[in-house]
Amino acid sequence: ATFCFANFSTGSWVRVWLAIHGDPKPIVRANIFTLSTWSTAHDFWASGAHSTAVITGAATGALPYVVLAGLAVTWLAPLDAARRSWLASSFIQLVRLEHMLTMAAVLLCVA
C-alpha cells in the first residue's frame, strides 16, 4: 500500500507561508508548484514532447511495479542459485536505468 501511495501521490510541492509581524496565525497560500509523475507526463504530452511523456510514464510509473513483481517471482519461485542470481542482477540493472531516466525527466522539468 505504501508503494502504491508513493507512486500516485504528489512527489513534491512548493507552498507559500506568509507571516505578518504581530499576527500569530500565518497566511497559507495554496501550492504554487506541484510535481508528480502523472503531472510531469501530462505536461510533457501537452507541450508536444510525446516520446518524453511516454518514457517518463514508463520509467517512473510502470517500471517500479514490473521490478517489484519480478523480484517477488525471483525470490518466491523455485529457481536454482545461478538463475536467481542472474534475475536479481537484471532487476537491479532495471532499477539503475529507472533512476537515470527519472533524473533525466527531472532535469527536463527544471530546464
PDB file of N, CA and C in Angstrom:
ATOM      1  N   ALA A   1       0.833  -1.187   0.000  1.00  0.00           N
ATOM      2  CA  ALA A   1       0.000   0.000   0.000  1.00  0.00           C
ATOM      3  C   ALA A   1       0.882   1.256   0.000  1.00  0.00           C
ATOM      4  N   THR A   2       1.961   1.231   0.761  1.00  0.00           N
ATOM      5  CA  THR A   2       2.851   2.388   0.810  1.00  0.00           C
ATOM      6  C   THR A   2       3.508   2.621  -0.542  1.00  0.00           C
ATOM      7  N   PHE A   3       3.871   1.541  -1.220  1.00  0.00           N
ATOM      8  CA  PHE A   3       4.490   1.650  -2.542  1.00  0.00           C
ATOM      9  C   PHE A   3       3.529   2.307  -3.520  1.00  0.00           C
ATOM     10  N   CYS A   4       2.269   1.885  -3.524  1.00  0.00           N
ATOM     11  CA  CYS A   4       1.271   2.476  -4.418  1.00  0.00           C
ATOM     12  C   CYS A   4       1.032   3.941  -4.080  1.00  0.00           C
ATOM     13  N   PHE A   5       0.922   4.251  -2.790  1.00  0.00           N
ATOM     14  CA  PHE A   5       0.686   5.634  -2.386  1.00  0.00           C
ATOM     15  C   PHE A   5       1.840   6.526  -2.830  1.00  0.00           C
ATOM     16  N   ALA A   6       3.052   6.028  -2.706  1.00  0.00           N
ATOM     17  CA  ALA A   6       4.219   6.826  -3.081  1.00  0.00           C
ATOM     18  C   ALA A   6       4.236   7.136  -4.572  1.00  0.00           C
ATOM     19  N   ASN A   7       3.747   6.224  -5.397  1.00  0.00           N
ATOM     20  CA  ASN A   7       3.774   6.454  -6.839  1.00  0.00           C
ATOM     21  C   ASN A   7       2.602   7.268  -7.348  1.00  0.00           C
ATOM     22  N   PHE A   8       1.497   7.314  -6.618  1.00  0.00           N
ATOM     23  CA  PHE A   8       0.330   8.033  -7.103  1.00  0.00           C
ATOM     24  C   PHE A   8       0.076   9.348  -6.388  1.00  0.00           C
ATOM     25  N   SER A   9       0.874   9.666  -5.382  1.00  0.00           N
ATOM     26  CA  SER A   9       0.683  10.932  -4.682  1.00  0.00           C
ATOM     27  C   SER A   9       1.613  11.992  -5.275  1.00  0.00           C
ATOM     28  N   THR A  10       1.495  13.192  -4.770  1.00  0.00           N
ATOM     29  CA  THR A  10       2.349  14.286  -5.225  1.00  0.00           C
ATOM     30  C   THR A  10       3.758  14.062  -4.714  1.00  0.00           C
ATOM     31  N   GLY A  11       4.717  14.178  -5.601  1.00  0.00           N
ATOM     32  CA  GLY A  11       6.101  13.962  -5.227  1.00  0.00           C
ATOM     33  C   GLY A  11       6.675  15.109  -4.413  1.00  0.00           C
ATOM     34  N   SER A  12       6.439  16.313  -4.864  1.00  0.00           N
ATOM     35  CA  SER A  12       6.909  17.485  -4.122  1.00  0.00           C
ATOM     36  C   SER A  12       6.019  18.663  -4.458  1.00  0.00           C
ATOM     37  N   TRP A  13       6.052  19.649  -3.595  1.00  0.00           N
ATOM     38  CA  TRP A  13       5.258  20.843  -3.824  1.00  0.00           C
ATOM     39  C   TRP A  13       5.937  22.035  -3.177  1.00  0.00           C
ATOM     40  N   VAL A  14       5.584  23.203  -3.665  1.00  0.00           N
ATOM     41  CA  VAL A  14       6.062  24.455  -3.085  1.00  0.00           C
ATOM     42  C   VAL A  14       4.837  25.189  -2.586  1.00  0.00           C
ATOM     43  N   ARG A  15       4.846  25.508  -1.296  1.00  0.00           N
ATOM     44  CA  ARG A  15       3.720  26.189  -0.663  1.00  0.00           C
ATOM     45  C   ARG A  15       4.249  27.473  -0.028  1.00  0.00           C
ATOM     46  N   VAL A  16       3.488  28.536  -0.152  1.00  0.00           N
ATOM     47  CA  VAL A  16       3.896  29.825   0.395  1.00  0.00           C
ATOM     48  C   VAL A  16       3.221  30.045   1.747  1.00  0.00           C
ATOM     49  N   TRP A  17       4.041  30.342   2.754  1.00  0.00           N
ATOM     50  CA  TRP A  17       3.552  30.715   4.080  1.00  0.00           C
ATOM     51  C   TRP A  17       3.955  32.163   4.303  1.00  0.00           C
ATOM     52  N   LEU A  18       3.006  32.990   4.656  1.00  0.00           N
ATOM     53  CA  LEU A  18       3.285  34.397   4.869  1.00  0.00           C
ATOM     54  C   LEU A  18       2.945  34.736   6.313  1.00  0.00           C
ATOM     55  N   ALA A  19       3.916  35.204   7.039  1.00  0.00           N
ATOM     56  CA  ALA A  19       3.701  35.607   8.430  1.00  0.00           C
ATOM     57  C   ALA A  19       3.893  37.116   8.527  1.00  0.00           C
ATOM     58  N   ILE A  20       2.867  37.781   8.981  1.00  0.00           N
ATOM     59  CA  ILE A  20       2.920  39.241   9.157  1.00  0.00           C
ATOM     60  C   ILE A  20       3.291  39.517  10.604  1.00  0.00           C
ATOM     61  N   HIS A  21       4.199  40.433  10.788  1.00  0.00           N
ATOM     62  CA  HIS A  21       4.688  40.746  12.134  1.00  0.00           C
ATOM     63  C   HIS A  21       3.522  41.140  13.042  1.00  0.00           C
ATOM     64  N   GLY A  22       3.414  40.473  14.154  1.00  0.00           N
ATOM     65  CA  GLY A  22       2.357  40.763  15.117  1.00  0.00           C
ATOM     66  C   GLY A  22       1.130  39.876  14.964  1.00  0.00           C
ATOM     67  N   ASP A  23       0.982  39.203  13.813  1.00  0.00           N
ATOM     68  CA  ASP A  23      -0.159  38.302  13.612  1.00  0.00           C
ATOM     69  C   ASP A  23       0.280  36.893  13.996  1.00  0.00           C
ATOM     70  N   PRO A  24      -0.374  36.275  14.989  1.00  0.00           N
ATOM     71  CA  PRO A  24       0.085  34.955  15.442  1.00  0.00           C
ATOM     72  C   PRO A  24      -0.212  33.822  14.466  1.00  0.00           C
ATOM     73  N   LYS A  25      -1.130  34.038  13.545  1.00  0.00           N
ATOM     74  CA  LYS A  25      -1.503  32.974  12.615  1.00  0.00           C
ATOM     75  C   LYS A  25      -0.992  33.310  11.209  1.00  0.00           C
ATOM     76  N   PRO A  26      -0.136  32.447  10.632  1.00  0.00           N
ATOM     77  CA  PRO A  26       0.379  32.753   9.284  1.00  0.00           C
ATOM     78  C   PRO A  26      -0.697  32.561   8.216  1.00  0.00           C
ATOM     79  N   ILE A  27      -0.511  33.268   7.130  1.00  0.00           N
ATOM     80  CA  ILE A  27      -1.384  33.120   5.970  1.00  0.00           C
ATOM     81  C   ILE A  27      -0.772  32.049   5.077  1.00  0.00           C
ATOM     82  N   VAL A  28      -1.541  31.021   4.778  1.00  0.00           N
ATOM     83  CA  VAL A  28      -1.044  29.924   3.951  1.00  0.00           C
ATOM     84  C   VAL A  28      -1.716  30.001   2.590  1.00  0.00           C
ATOM     85  N   ARG A  29      -0.920  30.095   1.577  1.00  0.00           N
ATOM     86  CA  ARG A  29      -1.433  30.091   0.210  1.00  0.00           C
ATOM     87  C   ARG A  29      -1.424  28.659  -0.322  1.00  0.00           C
ATOM     88  N   ALA A  30      -2.198  28.436  -1.325  1.00  0.00           N
ATOM     89  CA  ALA A  30      -2.236  27.110  -1.955  1.00  0.00           C
ATOM     90  C   ALA A  30      -0.882  26.788  -2.575  1.00  0.00           C
ATOM     91  N   ASN A  31      -0.711  25.548  -2.952  1.00  0.00           N
ATOM     92  CA  ASN A  31       0.539  25.132  -3.596  1.00  0.00           C
ATOM     93  C   ASN A  31       0.741  25.947  -4.868  1.00  0.00           C
ATOM     94  N   ILE A  32       1.907  26.544  -5.006  1.00  0.00           N
ATOM     95  CA  ILE A  32       2.173  27.310  -6.217  1.00  0.00           C
ATOM     96  C   ILE A  32       2.862  26.460  -7.278  1.00  0.00           C
ATOM     97  N   PHE A  33       3.398  25.310  -6.862  1.00  0.00           N
ATOM     98  CA  PHE A  33       4.035  24.401  -7.810  1.00  0.00           C
ATOM     99  C   PHE A  33       3.962  22.991  -7.247  1.00  0.00           C
ATOM    100  N   THR A  34       3.484  22.052  -8.052  1.00  0.00           N
ATOM    101  CA  THR A  34       3.455  20.651  -7.643  1.00  0.00           C
ATOM    102  C   THR A  34       4.164  19.812  -8.701  1.00  0.00           C
ATOM    103  N   LEU A  35       4.756  18.716  -8.252  1.00  0.00           N
ATOM    104  CA  LEU A  35       5.469  17.821  -9.158  1.00  0.00           C
ATOM    105  C   LEU A  35       5.107  16.386  -8.802  1.00  0.00           C
ATOM    106  N   SER A  36       4.552  15.686  -9.761  1.00  0.00           N
ATOM    107  CA  SER A  36       4.254  14.268  -9.590  1.00  0.00           C
ATOM    108  C   SER A  36       4.524  13.575 -10.928  1.00  0.00           C
ATOM    109  N   THR A  37       4.528  12.266 -10.887  1.00  0.00           N
ATOM    110  CA  THR A  37       4.778  11.506 -12.108  1.00  0.00           C
ATOM    111  C   THR A  37       3.749  11.829 -13.172  1.00  0.00           C
ATOM    112  N   TRP A  38       2.499  11.809 -12.775  1.00  0.00           N
ATOM    113  CA  TRP A  38       1.435  11.980 -13.763  1.00  0.00           C
ATOM    114  C   TRP A  38       1.330  13.417 -14.248  1.00  0.00           C
ATOM    115  N   SER A  39       1.569  14.399 -13.375  1.00  0.00           N
ATOM    116  CA  SER A  39       1.529  15.785 -13.849  1.00  0.00           C
ATOM    117  C   SER A  39       2.702  16.074 -14.789  1.00  0.00           C
ATOM    118  N   THR A  40       3.858  15.472 -14.496  1.00  0.00           N
ATOM    119  CA  THR A  40       5.013  15.653 -15.366  1.00  0.00           C
ATOM    120  C   THR A  40       4.757  15.056 -16.744  1.00  0.00           C
ATOM    121  N   ALA A  41       4.244  13.825 -16.779  1.00  0.00           N
ATOM    122  CA  ALA A  41       3.931  13.193 -18.066  1.00  0.00           C
ATOM    123  C   ALA A  41       2.872  13.992 -18.812  1.00  0.00           C
ATOM    124  N   HIS A  42       1.864  14.486 -18.106  1.00  0.00           N
ATOM    125  CA  HIS A  42       0.815  15.292 -18.746  1.00  0.00           C
ATOM    126  C   HIS A  42       1.381  16.585 -19.326  1.00  0.00           C
ATOM    127  N   ASP A  43       2.259  17.247 -18.574  1.00  0.00           N
ATOM    128  CA  ASP A  43       2.866  18.491 -19.067  1.00  0.00           C
ATOM    129  C   ASP A  43       3.722  18.247 -20.307  1.00  0.00           C
ATOM    130  N   PHE A  44       4.499  17.154 -20.289  1.00  0.00           N
ATOM    131  CA  PHE A  44       5.287  16.810 -21.473  1.00  0.00           C
ATOM    132  C   PHE A  44       4.382  16.552 -22.672  1.00  0.00           C
ATOM    133  N   TRP A  45       3.305  15.798 -22.457  1.00  0.00           N
ATOM    134  CA  TRP A  45       2.387  15.463 -23.546  1.00  0.00           C
ATOM    135  C   TRP A  45       1.729  16.723 -24.091  1.00  0.00           C
ATOM    136  N   ALA A  46       1.286  17.615 -23.202  1.00  0.00           N
ATOM    137  CA  ALA A  46       0.614  18.845 -23.628  1.00  0.00           C
ATOM    138  C   ALA A  46       1.557  19.765 -24.392  1.00  0.00           C
ATOM    139  N   SER A  47       2.847  19.709 -24.086  1.00  0.00           N
ATOM    140  CA  SER A  47       3.800  20.574 -24.785  1.00  0.00           C
ATOM    141  C   SER A  47       4.274  19.988 -26.110  1.00  0.00           C
ATOM    142  N   GLY A  48       3.847  18.758 -26.418  1.00  0.00           N
ATOM    143  CA  GLY A  48       4.221  18.142 -27.682  1.00  0.00           C
ATOM    144  C   GLY A  48       5.386  17.176 -27.593  1.00  0.00           C
ATOM    145  N   ALA A  49       5.934  16.996 -26.411  1.00  0.00           N
ATOM    146  CA  ALA A  49       7.047  16.062 -26.224  1.00  0.00           C
ATOM    147  C   ALA A  49       6.485  14.684 -25.883  1.00  0.00           C
ATOM    148  N   HIS A  50       5.863  14.054 -26.872  1.00  0.00           N
ATOM    149  CA  HIS A  50       5.156  12.794 -26.637  1.00  0.00           C
ATOM    150  C   HIS A  50       6.087  11.656 -26.234  1.00  0.00           C
ATOM    151  N   SER A  51       7.237  11.553 -26.882  1.00  0.00           N
ATOM    152  CA  SER A  51       8.150  10.456 -26.532  1.00  0.00           C
ATOM    153  C   SER A  51       8.695  10.631 -25.111  1.00  0.00           C
ATOM    154  N   THR A  52       8.973  11.869 -24.713  1.00  0.00           N
ATOM    155  CA  THR A  52       9.444  12.115 -23.349  1.00  0.00           C
ATOM    156  C   THR A  52       8.351  11.797 -22.338  1.00  0.00           C
ATOM    157  N   ALA A  53       7.103  12.103 -22.673  1.00  0.00           N
ATOM    158  CA  ALA A  53       5.983  11.773 -21.784  1.00  0.00           C
ATOM    159  C   ALA A  53       5.839  10.267 -21.605  1.00  0.00           C
ATOM    160  N   VAL A  54       5.983   9.522 -22.691  1.00  0.00           N
ATOM    161  CA  VAL A  54       5.864   8.062 -22.619  1.00  0.00           C
ATOM    162  C   VAL A  54       7.020   7.471 -21.811  1.00  0.00           C
ATOM    163  N   ILE A  55       8.236   7.948 -22.049  1.00  0.00           N
ATOM    164  CA  ILE A  55       9.397   7.442 -21.305  1.00  0.00           C
ATOM    165  C   ILE A  55       9.267   7.775 -19.826  1.00  0.00           C
ATOM    166  N   THR A  56       8.832   8.984 -19.507  1.00  0.00           N
ATOM    167  CA  THR A  56       8.655   9.374 -18.112  1.00  0.00           C
ATOM    168  C   THR A  56       7.594   8.522 -17.438  1.00  0.00           C
ATOM    169  N   GLY A  57       6.471   8.326 -18.107  1.00  0.00           N
ATOM    170  CA  GLY A  57       5.415   7.495 -17.538  1.00  0.00           C
ATOM    171  C   GLY A  57       5.845   6.058 -17.353  1.00  0.00           C
ATOM    172  N   ALA A  58       6.583   5.543 -18.314  1.00  0.00           N
ATOM    173  CA  ALA A  58       7.033   4.151 -18.202  1.00  0.00           C
ATOM    174  C   ALA A  58       8.110   3.989 -17.142  1.00  0.00           C
ATOM    175  N   ALA A  59       9.057   4.928 -17.100  1.00  0.00           N
ATOM    176  CA  ALA A  59      10.183   4.794 -16.170  1.00  0.00           C
ATOM    177  C   ALA A  59       9.778   5.019 -14.728  1.00  0.00           C
ATOM    178  N   THR A  60       8.898   5.962 -14.493  1.00  0.00           N
ATOM    179  CA  THR A  60       8.548   6.278 -13.110  1.00  0.00           C
ATOM    180  C   THR A  60       7.169   5.780 -12.711  1.00  0.00           C
ATOM    181  N   GLY A  61       6.378   5.353 -13.673  1.00  0.00           N
ATOM    182  CA  GLY A  61       5.041   4.862 -13.348  1.00  0.00           C
ATOM    183  C   GLY A  61       4.905   3.357 -13.409  1.00  0.00           C
ATOM    184  N   ALA A  62       5.322   2.763 -14.508  1.00  0.00           N
ATOM    185  CA  ALA A  62       5.121   1.326 -14.704  1.00  0.00           C
ATOM    186  C   ALA A  62       6.316   0.476 -14.283  1.00  0.00           C
ATOM    187  N   LEU A  63       7.518   0.952 -14.551  1.00  0.00           N
ATOM    188  CA  LEU A  63       8.710   0.148 -14.292  1.00  0.00           C
ATOM    189  C   LEU A  63       8.891  -0.264 -12.828  1.00  0.00           C
ATOM    190  N   PRO A  64       8.576   0.591 -11.847  1.00  0.00           N
ATOM    191  CA  PRO A  64       8.712   0.135 -10.463  1.00  0.00           C
ATOM    192  C   PRO A  64       7.844  -1.086 -10.144  1.00  0.00           C
ATOM    193  N   TYR A  65       6.656  -1.153 -10.720  1.00  0.00           N
ATOM    194  CA  TYR A  65       5.780  -2.302 -10.477  1.00  0.00           C
ATOM    195  C   TYR A  65       6.294  -3.554 -11.177  1.00  0.00           C
ATOM    196  N   VAL A  66       6.868  -3.377 -12.359  1.00  0.00           N
ATOM    197  CA  VAL A  66       7.461  -4.512 -13.072  1.00  0.00           C
ATOM    198  C   VAL A  66       8.630  -5.076 -12.266  1.00  0.00           C
ATOM    199  N   VAL A  67       9.473  -4.194 -11.743  1.00  0.00           N
ATOM    200  CA  VAL A  67      10.622  -4.632 -10.949  1.00  0.00           C
ATOM    201  C   VAL A  67      10.155  -5.303  -9.658  1.00  0.00           C
ATOM    202  N   LEU A  68       9.165  -4.724  -8.996  1.00  0.00           N
ATOM    203  CA  LEU A  68       8.653  -5.309  -7.756  1.00  0.00           C
ATOM    204  C   LEU A  68       8.083  -6.701  -7.993  1.00  0.00           C
ATOM    205  N   ALA A  69       7.290  -6.864  -9.056  1.00  0.00           N
ATOM    206  CA  ALA A  69       6.731  -8.185  -9.377  1.00  0.00           C
ATOM    207  C   ALA A  69       7.840  -9.161  -9.764  1.00  0.00           C
ATOM    208  N   GLY A  70       8.804  -8.696 -10.522  1.00  0.00           N
ATOM    209  CA  GLY A  70       9.910  -9.558 -10.927  1.00  0.00           C
ATOM    210  C   GLY A  70      10.747 -10.024  -9.748  1.00  0.00           C
ATOM    211  N   LEU A  71      11.010  -9.122  -8.808  1.00  0.00           N
ATOM    212  CA  LEU A  71      11.766  -9.513  -7.620  1.00  0.00           C
ATOM    213  C   LEU A  71      10.980 -10.501  -6.763  1.00  0.00           C
ATOM    214  N   ALA A  72       9.665 -10.324  -6.689  1.00  0.00           N
ATOM    215  CA  ALA A  72       8.846 -11.273  -5.937  1.00  0.00           C
ATOM    216  C   ALA A  72       8.915 -12.661  -6.566  1.00  0.00           C
ATOM    217  N   VAL A  73       8.829 -12.716  -7.896  1.00  0.00           N
ATOM    218  CA  VAL A  73       8.941 -14.005  -8.582  1.00  0.00           C
ATOM    219  C   VAL A  73      10.327 -14.597  -8.390  1.00  0.00           C
ATOM    220  N   THR A  74      11.351 -13.748  -8.466  1.00  0.00           N
ATOM    221  CA  THR A  74      12.728 -14.222  -8.304  1.00  0.00           C
ATOM    222  C   THR A  74      12.937 -14.896  -6.953  1.00  0.00           C
ATOM    223  N   TRP A  75      12.383 -14.299  -5.906  1.00  0.00           N
ATOM    224  CA  TRP A  75      12.631 -14.841  -4.571  1.00  0.00           C
ATOM    225  C   TRP A  75      11.637 -15.904  -4.153  1.00  0.00           C
ATOM    226  N   LEU A  76      10.460 -15.953  -4.777  1.00  0.00           N
ATOM    227  CA  LEU A  76       9.459 -16.929  -4.367  1.00  0.00           C
ATOM    228  C   LEU A  76       9.413 -18.168  -5.249  1.00  0.00           C
ATOM    229  N   ALA A  77       9.862 -18.065  -6.480  1.00  0.00           N
ATOM    230  CA  ALA A  77       9.825 -19.213  -7.393  1.00  0.00           C
ATOM    231  C   ALA A  77      10.968 -20.175  -7.069  1.00  0.00           C
ATOM    232  N   PRO A  78      10.741 -21.467  -7.273  1.00  0.00           N
ATOM    233  CA  PRO A  78      11.814 -22.436  -7.022  1.00  0.00           C
ATOM    234  C   PRO A  78      12.835 -22.423  -8.166  1.00  0.00           C
ATOM    235  N   LEU A  79      13.860 -21.603  -8.020  1.00  0.00           N
ATOM    236  CA  LEU A  79      14.906 -21.463  -9.041  1.00  0.00           C
ATOM    237  C   LEU A  79      16.238 -21.903  -8.458  1.00  0.00           C
ATOM    238  N   ASP A  80      17.129 -22.328  -9.336  1.00  0.00           N
ATOM    239  CA  ASP A  80      18.478 -22.639  -8.858  1.00  0.00           C
ATOM    240  C   ASP A  80      19.236 -21.327  -8.604  1.00  0.00           C
ATOM    241  N   ALA A  81      20.331 -21.415  -7.904  1.00  0.00           N
ATOM    242  CA  ALA A  81      21.057 -20.217  -7.461  1.00  0.00           C
ATOM    243  C   ALA A  81      21.570 -19.384  -8.629  1.00  0.00           C
ATOM    244  N   ALA A  82      22.032 -20.028  -9.683  1.00  0.00           N
ATOM    245  CA  ALA A  82      22.579 -19.283 -10.820  1.00  0.00           C
ATOM    246  C   ALA A  82      21.498 -18.454 -11.513  1.00  0.00           C
ATOM    247  N   ARG A  83      20.332 -19.055 -11.750  1.00  0.00           N
ATOM    248  CA  ARG A  83      19.240 -18.321 -12.404  1.00  0.00           C
ATOM    249  C   ARG A  83      18.716 -17.215 -11.502  1.00  0.00           C
ATOM    250  N   ARG A  84      18.587 -17.497 -10.209  1.00  0.00           N
ATOM    251  CA  ARG A  84      18.113 -16.481  -9.265  1.00  0.00           C
ATOM    252  C   ARG A  84      19.077 -15.300  -9.231  1.00  0.00           C
ATOM    253  N   SER A  85      20.368 -15.562  -9.233  1.00  0.00           N
ATOM    254  CA  SER A  85      21.375 -14.501  -9.232  1.00  0.00           C
ATOM    255  C   SER A  85      21.295 -13.675 -10.508  1.00  0.00           C
ATOM    256  N   TRP A  86      21.129 -14.327 -11.647  1.00  0.00           N
ATOM    257  CA  TRP A  86      21.032 -13.622 -12.919  1.00  0.00           C
ATOM    258  C   TRP A  86      19.788 -12.731 -12.952  1.00  0.00           C
ATOM    259  N   LEU A  87      18.651 -13.261 -12.493  1.00  0.00           N
ATOM    260  CA  LEU A  87      17.415 -12.464 -12.485  1.00  0.00           C
ATOM    261  C   LEU A  87      17.526 -11.274 -11.533  1.00  0.00           C
ATOM    262  N   ALA A  88      18.053 -11.500 -10.341  1.00  0.00           N
ATOM    263  CA  ALA A  88      18.192 -10.398  -9.385  1.00  0.00           C
ATOM    264  C   ALA A  88      19.115  -9.318  -9.937  1.00  0.00           C
ATOM    265  N   SER A  89      20.211  -9.711 -10.567  1.00  0.00           N
ATOM    266  CA  SER A  89      21.124  -8.738 -11.174  1.00  0.00           C
ATOM    267  C   SER A  89      20.444  -7.967 -12.301  1.00  0.00           C
ATOM    268  N   SER A  90      19.624  -8.641 -13.069  1.00  0.00           N
ATOM    269  CA  SER A  90      18.899  -7.976 -14.156  1.00  0.00           C
ATOM    270  C   SER A  90      17.931  -6.931 -13.611  1.00  0.00           C
ATOM    271  N   PHE A  91      17.235  -7.270 -12.537  1.00  0.00           N
ATOM    272  CA  PHE A  91      16.296  -6.306 -11.963  1.00  0.00           C
ATOM    273  C   PHE A  91      17.023  -5.129 -11.321  1.00  0.00           C
ATOM    274  N   ILE A  92      18.199  -5.367 -10.780  1.00  0.00           N
ATOM    275  CA  ILE A  92      18.985  -4.250 -10.220  1.00  0.00           C
ATOM    276  C   ILE A  92      19.408  -3.309 -11.344  1.00  0.00           C
ATOM    277  N   GLN A  93      19.769  -3.868 -12.506  1.00  0.00           N
ATOM    278  CA  GLN A  93      20.114  -3.022 -13.648  1.00  0.00           C
ATOM    279  C   GLN A  93      18.897  -2.221 -14.112  1.00  0.00           C
ATOM    280  N   LEU A  94      17.706  -2.819 -14.057  1.00  0.00           N
ATOM    281  CA  LEU A  94      16.490  -2.079 -14.407  1.00  0.00           C
ATOM    282  C   LEU A  94      16.242  -0.924 -13.452  1.00  0.00           C
ATOM    283  N   VAL A  95      16.504  -1.134 -12.181  1.00  0.00           N
ATOM    284  CA  VAL A  95      16.337  -0.061 -11.200  1.00  0.00           C
ATOM    285  C   VAL A  95      17.312   1.069 -11.501  1.00  0.00           C
ATOM    286  N   ARG A  96      18.543   0.741 -11.860  1.00  0.00           N
ATOM    287  CA  ARG A  96      19.517   1.774 -12.224  1.00  0.00           C
ATOM    288  C   ARG A  96      19.066   2.547 -13.460  1.00  0.00           C
ATOM    289  N   LEU A  97      18.544   1.843 -14.443  1.00  0.00           N
ATOM    290  CA  LEU A  97      18.017   2.507 -15.637  1.00  0.00           C
ATOM    291  C   LEU A  97      16.856   3.417 -15.262  1.00  0.00           C
ATOM    292  N   GLU A  98      16.001   2.942 -14.396  1.00  0.00           N
ATOM    293  CA  GLU A  98      14.862   3.746 -13.953  1.00  0.00           C
ATOM    294  C   GLU A  98      15.333   5.024 -13.277  1.00  0.00           C
ATOM    295  N   HIS A  99      16.355   4.944 -12.436  1.00  0.00           N
ATOM    296  CA  HIS A  99      16.868   6.132 -11.768  1.00  0.00           C
ATOM    297  C   HIS A  99      17.466   7.118 -12.757  1.00  0.00           C
ATOM    298  N   MET A 100      18.170   6.618 -13.765  1.00  0.00           N
ATOM    299  CA  MET A 100      18.735   7.515 -14.779  1.00  0.00           C
ATOM    300  C   MET A 100      17.634   8.209 -15.573  1.00  0.00           C
ATOM    301  N   LEU A 101      16.599   7.467 -15.958  1.00  0.00           N
ATOM    302  CA  LEU A 101      15.503   8.072 -16.722  1.00  0.00           C
ATOM    303  C   LEU A 101      14.714   9.068 -15.871  1.00  0.00           C
ATOM    304  N   THR A 102      14.540   8.751 -14.597  1.00  0.00           N
ATOM    305  CA  THR A 102      13.833   9.681 -13.716  1.00  0.00           C
ATOM    306  C   THR A 102      14.632  10.959 -13.543  1.00  0.00           C
ATOM    307  N   MET A 103      15.931  10.869 -13.363  1.00  0.00           N
ATOM    308  CA  MET A 103      16.764  12.054 -13.228  1.00  0.00           C
ATOM    309  C   MET A 103      16.732  12.895 -14.512  1.00  0.00           C
ATOM    310  N   ALA A 104      16.732  12.230 -15.656  1.00  0.00           N
ATOM    311  CA  ALA A 104      16.638  12.960 -16.920  1.00  0.00           C
ATOM    312  C   ALA A 104      15.306  13.701 -17.015  1.00  0.00           C
ATOM    313  N   ALA A 105      14.227  13.070 -16.562  1.00  0.00           N
ATOM    314  CA  ALA A 105      12.915  13.724 -16.583  1.00  0.00           C
ATOM    315  C   ALA A 105      12.882  14.924 -15.648  1.00  0.00           C
ATOM    316  N   VAL A 106      13.491  14.783 -14.481  1.00  0.00           N
ATOM    317  CA  VAL A 106      13.543  15.913 -13.541  1.00  0.00           C
ATOM    318  C   VAL A 106      14.349  17.067 -14.138  1.00  0.00           C
ATOM    319  N   LEU A 107      15.472  16.759 -14.760  1.00  0.00           N
ATOM    320  CA  LEU A 107      16.275  17.817 -15.372  1.00  0.00           C
ATOM    321  C   LEU A 107      15.528  18.502 -16.505  1.00  0.00           C
ATOM    322  N   LEU A 108      14.731  17.747 -17.253  1.00  0.00           N
ATOM    323  CA  LEU A 108      13.931  18.353 -18.312  1.00  0.00           C
ATOM    324  C   LEU A 108      12.835  19.248 -17.753  1.00  0.00           C
ATOM    325  N   CYS A 109      12.293  18.885 -16.597  1.00  0.00           N
ATOM    326  CA  CYS A 109      11.272  19.724 -15.965  1.00  0.00           C
ATOM    327  C   CYS A 109      11.864  21.037 -15.469  1.00  0.00           C
ATOM    328  N   VAL A 110      13.058  20.950 -14.915  1.00  0.00           N
ATOM    329  CA  VAL A 110      13.686  22.134 -14.344  1.00  0.00           C
ATOM    330  C   VAL A 110      14.194  23.068 -15.429  1.00  0.00           C
ATOM    331  N   ALA A 111      14.673  22.501 -16.527  1.00  0.00           N
ATOM    332  CA  ALA A 111      15.279  23.322 -17.581  1.00  0.00           C
ATOM    333  C   ALA A 111      14.287  24.153 -18.338  1.00  0.00           C
TER     334      ALA A 111
END
